[in-house]
Amino acid sequence: MLPLFLLALALAADAFAVSIARGAAGPHSIARALETGLAFGAAQGIMPLLGWALGALFMAYIAAVDHWIAFGLLSFLGVRMLFAAFSEGDDDAAPEVAEAGRGSHVAVLLIAAFATSIDAAAAGLTLDLFGLPVWFSCAVIAGVTAAVCVPAYWFASRIGGKFGHMAEGAGGVVLVGLGAKILFEHMAWV
């Protein structure tokens, strides 16, 4: 159980960092914190199952580009946050504009959840080594990820509200940095 828990914590690290960035830029809302935890937890639970199911058949092809995909998606989200942080007039947006942005918020959340869970697909290849049912291992990974992401978002949203656009800009920098970190780590393995 301990090795599985440690794997789950390691896989949750990127999602934790992105939850902090999203919380700093997002509204202070328990609903947003819960949906962030749910999205990241679900992605982190599904991707190892997918990796396990696909096995070594396609993993060599995915592993060759997964770091580029994660870098591109996280950089896109980070640059988007940076532009939002430095654009003017966002604070006075009409309620209709805020409601129209709901679909965009969900899309960005799903992209971030996918981007941070790509490495979990590769970890899925190791699930048989734990001697536990694969579905149980995936549930533990999902639960641990959700458990760290909800409070990360919640606490960051409390701080972010006080610092406004500055926190959103910092979150954008964190996302771009995280994407670069993933890219450089994988490039060092080559």
N, C-alpha and C. Protein backbone atom coordinates (compact mmCIF):
# COMPACT_ATOMS: atom_id res chain seq x y z
N MET A 1 0.82 -1.20 0.00
CA MET A 1 0.00 0.00 0.00
C MET A 1 0.87 1.27 0.00
N LEU A 2 1.97 1.25 0.75
CA LEU A 2 2.82 2.44 0.84
C LEU A 2 3.41 2.82 -0.52
N PRO A 3 3.96 1.86 -1.30
CA PRO A 3 4.47 2.26 -2.63
C PRO A 3 3.38 2.86 -3.53
N LEU A 4 2.17 2.33 -3.45
CA LEU A 4 1.07 2.87 -4.25
C LEU A 4 0.74 4.29 -3.80
N PHE A 5 0.72 4.51 -2.50
CA PHE A 5 0.43 5.84 -1.97
C PHE A 5 1.51 6.84 -2.40
N LEU A 6 2.76 6.42 -2.37
CA LEU A 6 3.85 7.30 -2.80
C LEU A 6 3.76 7.61 -4.30
N LEU A 7 3.39 6.60 -5.10
CA LEU A 7 3.18 6.84 -6.52
C LEU A 7 2.05 7.85 -6.72
N ALA A 8 0.97 7.67 -5.97
CA ALA A 8 -0.18 8.58 -6.08
C ALA A 8 0.23 10.01 -5.74
N LEU A 9 1.02 10.19 -4.68
CA LEU A 9 1.49 11.53 -4.32
C LEU A 9 2.37 12.12 -5.41
N ALA A 10 3.25 11.32 -5.97
CA ALA A 10 4.13 11.80 -7.04
C ALA A 10 3.31 12.22 -8.26
N LEU A 11 2.32 11.41 -8.62
CA LEU A 11 1.49 11.74 -9.78
C LEU A 11 0.63 12.98 -9.51
N ALA A 12 0.27 13.21 -8.25
CA ALA A 12 -0.59 14.34 -7.89
C ALA A 12 0.17 15.65 -7.82
N ALA A 13 1.48 15.62 -7.84
CA ALA A 13 2.28 16.84 -7.63
C ALA A 13 1.98 17.91 -8.68
N ASP A 14 1.92 17.53 -9.95
CA ASP A 14 1.64 18.52 -11.00
C ASP A 14 0.22 19.06 -10.87
N ALA A 15 -0.73 18.19 -10.59
CA ALA A 15 -2.12 18.63 -10.41
C ALA A 15 -2.24 19.57 -9.21
N PHE A 16 -1.48 19.29 -8.16
CA PHE A 16 -1.46 20.15 -6.98
C PHE A 16 -0.98 21.55 -7.35
N ALA A 17 0.11 21.62 -8.11
CA ALA A 17 0.67 22.92 -8.52
C ALA A 17 -0.32 23.69 -9.40
N VAL A 18 -0.97 23.00 -10.31
CA VAL A 18 -1.94 23.67 -11.19
C VAL A 18 -3.17 24.09 -10.39
N SER A 19 -3.56 23.32 -9.40
CA SER A 19 -4.69 23.70 -8.54
C SER A 19 -4.39 24.98 -7.79
N ILE A 20 -3.16 25.13 -7.33
CA ILE A 20 -2.77 26.37 -6.65
C ILE A 20 -2.85 27.54 -7.63
N ALA A 21 -2.33 27.34 -8.83
CA ALA A 21 -2.37 28.41 -9.83
C ALA A 21 -3.81 28.78 -10.18
N ARG A 22 -4.66 27.78 -10.37
CA ARG A 22 -6.06 28.05 -10.70
C ARG A 22 -6.76 28.73 -9.54
N GLY A 23 -6.49 28.28 -8.32
CA GLY A 23 -7.12 28.88 -7.15
C GLY A 23 -6.73 30.33 -6.97
N ALA A 24 -5.46 30.65 -7.20
CA ALA A 24 -4.99 32.02 -7.06
C ALA A 24 -5.67 32.95 -8.07
N ALA A 25 -6.02 32.41 -9.22
CA ALA A 25 -6.64 33.22 -10.26
C ALA A 25 -8.17 33.13 -10.24
N GLY A 26 -8.71 32.13 -9.55
CA GLY A 26 -10.14 31.89 -9.61
C GLY A 26 -10.89 32.46 -8.43
N PRO A 27 -12.21 32.29 -8.46
CA PRO A 27 -13.03 32.79 -7.36
C PRO A 27 -12.88 31.93 -6.11
N HIS A 28 -13.10 32.53 -4.97
CA HIS A 28 -13.07 31.79 -3.70
C HIS A 28 -14.41 31.07 -3.57
N SER A 29 -14.40 29.79 -3.91
CA SER A 29 -15.65 29.03 -3.96
C SER A 29 -15.35 27.58 -3.65
N ILE A 30 -16.10 27.03 -2.70
CA ILE A 30 -15.93 25.61 -2.38
C ILE A 30 -16.35 24.75 -3.57
N ALA A 31 -17.33 25.21 -4.34
CA ALA A 31 -17.77 24.46 -5.52
C ALA A 31 -16.63 24.36 -6.54
N ARG A 32 -15.93 25.48 -6.78
CA ARG A 32 -14.79 25.46 -7.70
C ARG A 32 -13.67 24.58 -7.17
N ALA A 33 -13.43 24.62 -5.87
CA ALA A 33 -12.39 23.77 -5.27
C ALA A 33 -12.75 22.30 -5.46
N LEU A 34 -14.01 21.96 -5.23
CA LEU A 34 -14.45 20.57 -5.38
C LEU A 34 -14.41 20.12 -6.84
N GLU A 35 -14.83 20.99 -7.76
CA GLU A 35 -14.79 20.58 -9.17
C GLU A 35 -13.36 20.46 -9.67
N THR A 36 -12.45 21.29 -9.13
CA THR A 36 -11.04 21.17 -9.49
C THR A 36 -10.49 19.83 -9.00
N GLY A 37 -10.78 19.49 -7.74
CA GLY A 37 -10.33 18.21 -7.20
C GLY A 37 -10.93 17.03 -7.94
N LEU A 38 -12.20 17.14 -8.28
CA LEU A 38 -12.87 16.06 -9.01
C LEU A 38 -12.28 15.88 -10.40
N ALA A 39 -12.06 16.99 -11.12
CA ALA A 39 -11.50 16.89 -12.48
C ALA A 39 -10.10 16.31 -12.47
N PHE A 40 -9.23 16.83 -11.59
CA PHE A 40 -7.87 16.32 -11.53
C PHE A 40 -7.84 14.89 -11.01
N GLY A 41 -8.65 14.58 -10.01
CA GLY A 41 -8.70 13.23 -9.48
C GLY A 41 -9.18 12.23 -10.52
N ALA A 42 -10.24 12.59 -11.24
CA ALA A 42 -10.75 11.70 -12.28
C ALA A 42 -9.71 11.46 -13.37
N ALA A 43 -9.07 12.53 -13.82
CA ALA A 43 -8.06 12.38 -14.87
C ALA A 43 -6.90 11.52 -14.38
N GLN A 44 -6.45 11.76 -13.15
CA GLN A 44 -5.33 10.98 -12.61
C GLN A 44 -5.73 9.53 -12.36
N GLY A 45 -7.00 9.25 -12.16
CA GLY A 45 -7.46 7.87 -11.97
C GLY A 45 -7.70 7.14 -13.28
N ILE A 46 -8.19 7.86 -14.27
CA ILE A 46 -8.51 7.24 -15.57
C ILE A 46 -7.26 6.98 -16.40
N MET A 47 -6.33 7.92 -16.39
CA MET A 47 -5.16 7.78 -17.26
C MET A 47 -4.29 6.57 -16.92
N PRO A 48 -4.04 6.23 -15.64
CA PRO A 48 -3.26 5.00 -15.40
C PRO A 48 -4.02 3.75 -15.86
N LEU A 49 -5.34 3.79 -15.72
CA LEU A 49 -6.14 2.66 -16.18
C LEU A 49 -6.02 2.53 -17.70
N LEU A 50 -6.05 3.65 -18.38
CA LEU A 50 -5.88 3.66 -19.83
C LEU A 50 -4.48 3.16 -20.21
N GLY A 51 -3.47 3.64 -19.48
CA GLY A 51 -2.10 3.19 -19.75
C GLY A 51 -1.93 1.71 -19.51
N TRP A 52 -2.54 1.22 -18.44
CA TRP A 52 -2.48 -0.22 -18.13
C TRP A 52 -3.17 -1.02 -19.22
N ALA A 53 -4.35 -0.53 -19.66
CA ALA A 53 -5.13 -1.26 -20.67
C ALA A 53 -4.40 -1.29 -22.01
N LEU A 54 -3.82 -0.18 -22.39
CA LEU A 54 -3.12 -0.13 -23.68
C LEU A 54 -1.78 -0.85 -23.61
N GLY A 55 -1.24 -0.90 -22.40
CA GLY A 55 0.02 -1.61 -22.20
C GLY A 55 1.14 -1.08 -23.06
N ALA A 56 2.08 -1.92 -23.28
CA ALA A 56 3.28 -1.52 -24.02
C ALA A 56 3.00 -1.36 -25.51
N LEU A 57 1.82 -1.76 -25.95
CA LEU A 57 1.50 -1.71 -27.36
C LEU A 57 1.69 -0.32 -27.97
N PHE A 58 1.07 0.69 -27.33
CA PHE A 58 1.14 2.04 -27.86
C PHE A 58 1.97 2.99 -27.00
N MET A 59 2.38 2.55 -25.81
CA MET A 59 3.04 3.45 -24.89
C MET A 59 4.35 4.02 -25.45
N ALA A 60 5.06 3.27 -26.25
CA ALA A 60 6.31 3.78 -26.82
C ALA A 60 6.03 4.99 -27.72
N TYR A 61 4.92 4.97 -28.44
CA TYR A 61 4.57 6.09 -29.31
C TYR A 61 4.14 7.30 -28.48
N ILE A 62 3.35 7.05 -27.44
CA ILE A 62 2.88 8.13 -26.58
C ILE A 62 4.04 8.74 -25.80
N ALA A 63 4.91 7.89 -25.26
CA ALA A 63 6.04 8.38 -24.47
C ALA A 63 6.97 9.26 -25.28
N ALA A 64 6.99 9.06 -26.58
CA ALA A 64 7.86 9.85 -27.44
C ALA A 64 7.39 11.30 -27.56
N VAL A 65 6.10 11.56 -27.32
CA VAL A 65 5.59 12.92 -27.48
C VAL A 65 4.82 13.45 -26.27
N ASP A 66 4.65 12.66 -25.23
CA ASP A 66 3.82 13.10 -24.10
C ASP A 66 4.32 14.38 -23.46
N HIS A 67 5.62 14.52 -23.35
CA HIS A 67 6.19 15.72 -22.74
C HIS A 67 5.92 16.97 -23.59
N TRP A 68 5.91 16.81 -24.91
CA TRP A 68 5.61 17.94 -25.78
C TRP A 68 4.14 18.33 -25.67
N ILE A 69 3.27 17.33 -25.55
CA ILE A 69 1.84 17.61 -25.38
C ILE A 69 1.60 18.36 -24.08
N ALA A 70 2.17 17.86 -22.98
CA ALA A 70 2.00 18.51 -21.68
C ALA A 70 2.57 19.92 -21.72
N PHE A 71 3.75 20.10 -22.30
CA PHE A 71 4.37 21.42 -22.40
C PHE A 71 3.47 22.37 -23.18
N GLY A 72 2.98 21.94 -24.32
CA GLY A 72 2.12 22.79 -25.15
C GLY A 72 0.83 23.19 -24.45
N LEU A 73 0.16 22.22 -23.83
CA LEU A 73 -1.11 22.53 -23.17
C LEU A 73 -0.91 23.43 -21.95
N LEU A 74 0.08 23.12 -21.11
CA LEU A 74 0.31 23.94 -19.91
C LEU A 74 0.81 25.34 -20.29
N SER A 75 1.64 25.43 -21.31
CA SER A 75 2.11 26.75 -21.76
C SER A 75 0.95 27.57 -22.32
N PHE A 76 0.09 26.93 -23.08
CA PHE A 76 -1.10 27.61 -23.61
C PHE A 76 -1.95 28.17 -22.47
N LEU A 77 -2.22 27.34 -21.47
CA LEU A 77 -3.03 27.80 -20.34
C LEU A 77 -2.32 28.90 -19.56
N GLY A 78 -1.01 28.76 -19.37
CA GLY A 78 -0.25 29.76 -18.64
C GLY A 78 -0.23 31.10 -19.35
N VAL A 79 0.00 31.10 -20.65
CA VAL A 79 0.01 32.33 -21.43
C VAL A 79 -1.38 32.96 -21.41
N ARG A 80 -2.39 32.14 -21.48
CA ARG A 80 -3.78 32.63 -21.41
C ARG A 80 -4.02 33.35 -20.09
N MET A 81 -3.54 32.76 -18.99
CA MET A 81 -3.68 33.40 -17.67
C MET A 81 -2.89 34.70 -17.60
N LEU A 82 -1.71 34.72 -18.19
CA LEU A 82 -0.90 35.94 -18.19
C LEU A 82 -1.61 37.07 -18.96
N PHE A 83 -2.18 36.75 -20.10
CA PHE A 83 -2.93 37.76 -20.85
C PHE A 83 -4.12 38.26 -20.05
N ALA A 84 -4.83 37.34 -19.40
CA ALA A 84 -5.98 37.74 -18.59
C ALA A 84 -5.55 38.62 -17.42
N ALA A 85 -4.39 38.33 -16.85
CA ALA A 85 -3.91 39.09 -15.70
C ALA A 85 -3.57 40.52 -16.08
N PHE A 86 -3.08 40.73 -17.29
CA PHE A 86 -2.65 42.06 -17.68
C PHE A 86 -3.64 42.79 -18.58
N SER A 87 -4.78 42.15 -18.88
CA SER A 87 -5.80 42.84 -19.66
C SER A 87 -6.61 43.74 -18.73
N GLU A 88 -7.15 44.79 -19.25
CA GLU A 88 -7.88 45.75 -18.42
C GLU A 88 -9.37 45.54 -18.57
N GLY A 89 -10.11 45.90 -17.52
CA GLY A 89 -11.56 45.88 -17.57
C GLY A 89 -12.18 44.56 -17.18
N ASP A 90 -11.39 43.56 -16.81
CA ASP A 90 -11.96 42.26 -16.44
C ASP A 90 -12.80 42.33 -15.18
N ASP A 91 -12.44 43.20 -14.24
CA ASP A 91 -13.14 43.25 -12.96
C ASP A 91 -14.56 43.76 -13.09
N ASP A 92 -14.84 44.54 -14.13
CA ASP A 92 -16.15 45.15 -14.29
C ASP A 92 -17.00 44.42 -15.33
N ALA A 93 -16.67 43.16 -15.61
CA ALA A 93 -17.40 42.42 -16.63
C ALA A 93 -18.85 42.24 -16.21
N ALA A 94 -19.72 42.32 -17.20
CA ALA A 94 -21.15 42.14 -16.93
C ALA A 94 -21.43 40.70 -16.54
N PRO A 95 -22.51 40.46 -15.80
CA PRO A 95 -22.85 39.09 -15.40
C PRO A 95 -23.03 38.15 -16.59
N GLU A 96 -23.54 38.69 -17.71
CA GLU A 96 -23.73 37.83 -18.89
C GLU A 96 -22.38 37.33 -19.40
N VAL A 97 -21.36 38.18 -19.35
CA VAL A 97 -20.03 37.79 -19.80
C VAL A 97 -19.46 36.73 -18.88
N ALA A 98 -19.66 36.90 -17.59
CA ALA A 98 -19.17 35.92 -16.62
C ALA A 98 -19.84 34.57 -16.84
N GLU A 99 -21.14 34.58 -17.11
CA GLU A 99 -21.86 33.33 -17.35
C GLU A 99 -21.40 32.68 -18.64
N ALA A 100 -21.13 33.49 -19.67
CA ALA A 100 -20.66 32.95 -20.94
C ALA A 100 -19.28 32.32 -20.78
N GLY A 101 -18.51 32.80 -19.82
CA GLY A 101 -17.18 32.25 -19.57
C GLY A 101 -17.20 30.91 -18.86
N ARG A 102 -18.35 30.45 -18.40
CA ARG A 102 -18.46 29.18 -17.69
C ARG A 102 -18.01 28.02 -18.56
N GLY A 103 -18.42 28.00 -19.81
CA GLY A 103 -18.00 26.93 -20.72
C GLY A 103 -16.50 26.96 -20.92
N SER A 104 -15.95 28.15 -21.02
CA SER A 104 -14.51 28.30 -21.17
C SER A 104 -13.79 27.80 -19.92
N HIS A 105 -14.34 28.10 -18.75
CA HIS A 105 -13.74 27.65 -17.49
C HIS A 105 -13.67 26.12 -17.45
N VAL A 106 -14.73 25.46 -17.84
CA VAL A 106 -14.76 24.00 -17.82
C VAL A 106 -13.77 23.44 -18.83
N ALA A 107 -13.71 24.03 -20.01
CA ALA A 107 -12.77 23.57 -21.03
C ALA A 107 -11.33 23.70 -20.55
N VAL A 108 -11.01 24.82 -19.94
CA VAL A 108 -9.65 25.04 -19.43
C VAL A 108 -9.35 24.04 -18.31
N LEU A 109 -10.31 23.79 -17.44
CA LEU A 109 -10.13 22.83 -16.36
C LEU A 109 -9.85 21.43 -16.91
N LEU A 110 -10.60 21.03 -17.92
CA LEU A 110 -10.41 19.70 -18.51
C LEU A 110 -9.08 19.58 -19.23
N ILE A 111 -8.68 20.65 -19.93
CA ILE A 111 -7.37 20.63 -20.59
C ILE A 111 -6.26 20.51 -19.56
N ALA A 112 -6.36 21.28 -18.48
CA ALA A 112 -5.34 21.22 -17.42
C ALA A 112 -5.30 19.84 -16.78
N ALA A 113 -6.47 19.26 -16.53
CA ALA A 113 -6.52 17.92 -15.93
C ALA A 113 -5.88 16.89 -16.85
N PHE A 114 -6.16 16.98 -18.14
CA PHE A 114 -5.56 16.07 -19.10
C PHE A 114 -4.04 16.26 -19.17
N ALA A 115 -3.62 17.52 -19.26
CA ALA A 115 -2.19 17.82 -19.41
C ALA A 115 -1.38 17.31 -18.22
N THR A 116 -1.93 17.43 -17.03
CA THR A 116 -1.18 16.99 -15.84
C THR A 116 -1.27 15.49 -15.60
N SER A 117 -2.11 14.80 -16.35
CA SER A 117 -2.27 13.37 -16.10
C SER A 117 -1.65 12.48 -17.18
N ILE A 118 -0.99 13.08 -18.15
CA ILE A 118 -0.40 12.28 -19.23
C ILE A 118 0.64 11.31 -18.68
N ASP A 119 1.45 11.77 -17.74
CA ASP A 119 2.47 10.88 -17.18
C ASP A 119 1.85 9.74 -16.37
N ALA A 120 0.62 9.93 -15.90
CA ALA A 120 -0.06 8.87 -15.17
C ALA A 120 -0.37 7.68 -16.07
N ALA A 121 -0.54 7.92 -17.37
CA ALA A 121 -0.78 6.82 -18.31
C ALA A 121 0.43 5.90 -18.35
N ALA A 122 1.63 6.49 -18.37
CA ALA A 122 2.84 5.68 -18.36
C ALA A 122 2.97 4.93 -17.05
N ALA A 123 2.58 5.56 -15.94
CA ALA A 123 2.64 4.90 -14.64
C ALA A 123 1.68 3.71 -14.59
N GLY A 124 0.65 3.75 -15.41
CA GLY A 124 -0.30 2.64 -15.45
C GLY A 124 0.32 1.32 -15.82
N LEU A 125 1.43 1.38 -16.54
CA LEU A 125 2.13 0.15 -16.92
C LEU A 125 2.68 -0.59 -15.70
N THR A 126 2.87 0.12 -14.60
CA THR A 126 3.46 -0.49 -13.39
C THR A 126 2.41 -0.96 -12.39
N LEU A 127 1.14 -0.77 -12.67
CA LEU A 127 0.11 -1.07 -11.69
C LEU A 127 0.08 -2.53 -11.26
N ASP A 128 0.41 -3.44 -12.14
CA ASP A 128 0.41 -4.87 -11.78
C ASP A 128 1.47 -5.19 -10.74
N LEU A 129 2.51 -4.37 -10.66
CA LEU A 129 3.60 -4.63 -9.72
C LEU A 129 3.20 -4.44 -8.26
N PHE A 130 2.11 -3.75 -8.00
CA PHE A 130 1.70 -3.48 -6.63
C PHE A 130 0.96 -4.66 -5.99
N GLY A 131 0.56 -5.62 -6.79
CA GLY A 131 -0.14 -6.79 -6.25
C GLY A 131 -1.55 -6.47 -5.77
N LEU A 132 -2.09 -5.37 -6.20
CA LEU A 132 -3.45 -4.96 -5.85
C LEU A 132 -4.29 -4.91 -7.12
N PRO A 133 -5.60 -5.01 -6.99
CA PRO A 133 -6.43 -4.87 -8.19
C PRO A 133 -6.17 -3.52 -8.87
N VAL A 134 -6.11 -3.53 -10.18
CA VAL A 134 -5.80 -2.32 -10.94
C VAL A 134 -6.83 -1.23 -10.66
N TRP A 135 -8.09 -1.59 -10.60
CA TRP A 135 -9.13 -0.59 -10.34
C TRP A 135 -8.93 0.06 -8.97
N PHE A 136 -8.47 -0.72 -7.98
CA PHE A 136 -8.22 -0.18 -6.65
C PHE A 136 -7.05 0.81 -6.68
N SER A 137 -5.99 0.45 -7.40
CA SER A 137 -4.83 1.34 -7.53
C SER A 137 -5.23 2.65 -8.18
N CYS A 138 -6.05 2.57 -9.23
CA CYS A 138 -6.51 3.79 -9.90
C CYS A 138 -7.40 4.63 -8.99
N ALA A 139 -8.23 3.97 -8.18
CA ALA A 139 -9.08 4.70 -7.24
C ALA A 139 -8.24 5.41 -6.17
N VAL A 140 -7.18 4.77 -5.71
CA VAL A 140 -6.29 5.40 -4.72
C VAL A 140 -5.61 6.62 -5.34
N ILE A 141 -5.12 6.47 -6.55
CA ILE A 141 -4.46 7.59 -7.24
C ILE A 141 -5.44 8.75 -7.41
N ALA A 142 -6.66 8.44 -7.83
CA ALA A 142 -7.68 9.48 -8.00
C ALA A 142 -8.01 10.14 -6.67
N GLY A 143 -8.19 9.35 -5.63
CA GLY A 143 -8.55 9.89 -4.31
C GLY A 143 -7.46 10.78 -3.72
N VAL A 144 -6.22 10.34 -3.83
CA VAL A 144 -5.10 11.14 -3.31
C VAL A 144 -5.00 12.45 -4.08
N THR A 145 -5.14 12.40 -5.38
CA THR A 145 -5.06 13.62 -6.19
C THR A 145 -6.17 14.59 -5.80
N ALA A 146 -7.39 14.10 -5.71
CA ALA A 146 -8.50 14.98 -5.32
C ALA A 146 -8.27 15.55 -3.92
N ALA A 147 -7.76 14.71 -3.02
CA ALA A 147 -7.55 15.14 -1.63
C ALA A 147 -6.50 16.24 -1.50
N VAL A 148 -5.53 16.30 -2.41
CA VAL A 148 -4.54 17.38 -2.34
C VAL A 148 -4.96 18.59 -3.16
N CYS A 149 -5.77 18.39 -4.20
CA CYS A 149 -6.14 19.50 -5.08
C CYS A 149 -7.23 20.39 -4.50
N VAL A 150 -8.18 19.81 -3.79
CA VAL A 150 -9.27 20.62 -3.22
C VAL A 150 -8.73 21.67 -2.25
N PRO A 151 -7.94 21.27 -1.24
CA PRO A 151 -7.42 22.31 -0.34
C PRO A 151 -6.43 23.25 -1.01
N ALA A 152 -5.70 22.76 -2.01
CA ALA A 152 -4.75 23.62 -2.73
C ALA A 152 -5.51 24.76 -3.41
N TYR A 153 -6.57 24.42 -4.12
CA TYR A 153 -7.39 25.45 -4.77
C TYR A 153 -8.00 26.38 -3.73
N TRP A 154 -8.59 25.80 -2.69
CA TRP A 154 -9.31 26.57 -1.67
C TRP A 154 -8.41 27.62 -1.02
N PHE A 155 -7.24 27.20 -0.56
CA PHE A 155 -6.35 28.13 0.12
C PHE A 155 -5.78 29.16 -0.84
N ALA A 156 -5.43 28.75 -2.04
CA ALA A 156 -4.89 29.70 -3.03
C ALA A 156 -5.94 30.72 -3.44
N SER A 157 -7.20 30.31 -3.50
CA SER A 157 -8.26 31.25 -3.88
C SER A 157 -8.46 32.31 -2.80
N ARG A 158 -8.21 31.96 -1.57
CA ARG A 158 -8.31 32.95 -0.48
C ARG A 158 -7.21 34.00 -0.61
N ILE A 159 -6.04 33.58 -0.97
CA ILE A 159 -4.92 34.50 -1.14
C ILE A 159 -5.07 35.29 -2.44
N GLY A 160 -5.50 34.59 -3.50
CA GLY A 160 -5.61 35.21 -4.81
C GLY A 160 -6.58 36.37 -4.84
N GLY A 161 -7.66 36.29 -4.08
CA GLY A 161 -8.63 37.37 -4.04
C GLY A 161 -8.03 38.66 -3.50
N LYS A 162 -7.03 38.56 -2.67
CA LYS A 162 -6.40 39.73 -2.08
C LYS A 162 -5.39 40.36 -3.02
N PHE A 163 -4.85 39.57 -3.93
CA PHE A 163 -3.80 40.07 -4.81
C PHE A 163 -4.24 40.20 -6.26
N GLY A 164 -5.48 39.79 -6.55
CA GLY A 164 -6.09 40.00 -7.86
C GLY A 164 -5.27 39.53 -9.04
N HIS A 165 -5.03 40.45 -9.97
CA HIS A 165 -4.36 40.12 -11.23
C HIS A 165 -2.92 39.65 -11.01
N MET A 166 -2.30 40.11 -9.95
CA MET A 166 -0.93 39.68 -9.67
C MET A 166 -0.89 38.17 -9.44
N ALA A 167 -1.86 37.64 -8.71
CA ALA A 167 -1.91 36.20 -8.44
C ALA A 167 -2.19 35.42 -9.73
N GLU A 168 -3.04 35.97 -10.58
CA GLU A 168 -3.33 35.30 -11.85
C GLU A 168 -2.09 35.27 -12.73
N GLY A 169 -1.35 36.36 -12.75
CA GLY A 169 -0.09 36.40 -13.51
C GLY A 169 0.91 35.40 -12.98
N ALA A 170 1.02 35.32 -11.64
CA ALA A 170 1.93 34.34 -11.03
C ALA A 170 1.50 32.92 -11.37
N GLY A 171 0.19 32.68 -11.38
CA GLY A 171 -0.31 31.36 -11.76
C GLY A 171 0.04 31.01 -13.19
N GLY A 172 -0.05 32.00 -14.08
CA GLY A 172 0.34 31.77 -15.47
C GLY A 172 1.81 31.41 -15.60
N VAL A 173 2.65 32.11 -14.84
CA VAL A 173 4.08 31.81 -14.85
C VAL A 173 4.32 30.40 -14.32
N VAL A 174 3.59 30.00 -13.27
CA VAL A 174 3.73 28.65 -12.71
C VAL A 174 3.37 27.60 -13.75
N LEU A 175 2.30 27.81 -14.49
CA LEU A 175 1.88 26.82 -15.50
C LEU A 175 2.90 26.70 -16.62
N VAL A 176 3.41 27.83 -17.10
CA VAL A 176 4.43 27.78 -18.15
C VAL A 176 5.69 27.10 -17.61
N GLY A 177 6.06 27.44 -16.37
CA GLY A 177 7.23 26.81 -15.75
C GLY A 177 7.06 25.32 -15.56
N LEU A 178 5.86 24.90 -15.16
CA LEU A 178 5.58 23.48 -14.99
C LEU A 178 5.67 22.75 -16.32
N GLY A 179 5.13 23.35 -17.37
CA GLY A 179 5.25 22.75 -18.70
C GLY A 179 6.70 22.62 -19.13
N ALA A 180 7.48 23.66 -18.87
CA ALA A 180 8.91 23.63 -19.22
C ALA A 180 9.64 22.57 -18.39
N LYS A 181 9.29 22.46 -17.11
CA LYS A 181 9.91 21.45 -16.24
C LYS A 181 9.65 20.04 -16.78
N ILE A 182 8.42 19.77 -17.16
CA ILE A 182 8.07 18.45 -17.71
C ILE A 182 8.87 18.20 -18.99
N LEU A 183 8.93 19.19 -19.85
CA LEU A 183 9.66 19.05 -21.11
C LEU A 183 11.15 18.79 -20.84
N PHE A 184 11.77 19.58 -19.99
CA PHE A 184 13.20 19.43 -19.73
C PHE A 184 13.52 18.12 -19.03
N GLU A 185 12.66 17.68 -18.11
CA GLU A 185 12.88 16.39 -17.45
C GLU A 185 12.88 15.25 -18.45
N HIS A 186 11.94 15.28 -19.38
CA HIS A 186 11.87 14.21 -20.37
C HIS A 186 12.98 14.31 -21.41
N MET A 187 13.38 15.53 -21.72
CA MET A 187 14.47 15.71 -22.69
C MET A 187 15.78 15.23 -22.10
N ALA A 188 15.94 15.33 -20.80
CA ALA A 188 17.17 14.87 -20.13
C ALA A 188 17.29 13.36 -20.19
N TRP A 189 16.18 12.67 -20.33
CA TRP A 189 16.18 11.20 -20.39
C TRP A 189 16.61 10.71 -21.76
N VAL A 190 16.52 11.57 -22.76
CA VAL A 190 16.83 11.17 -24.13
C VAL A 190 18.32 10.99 -24.32
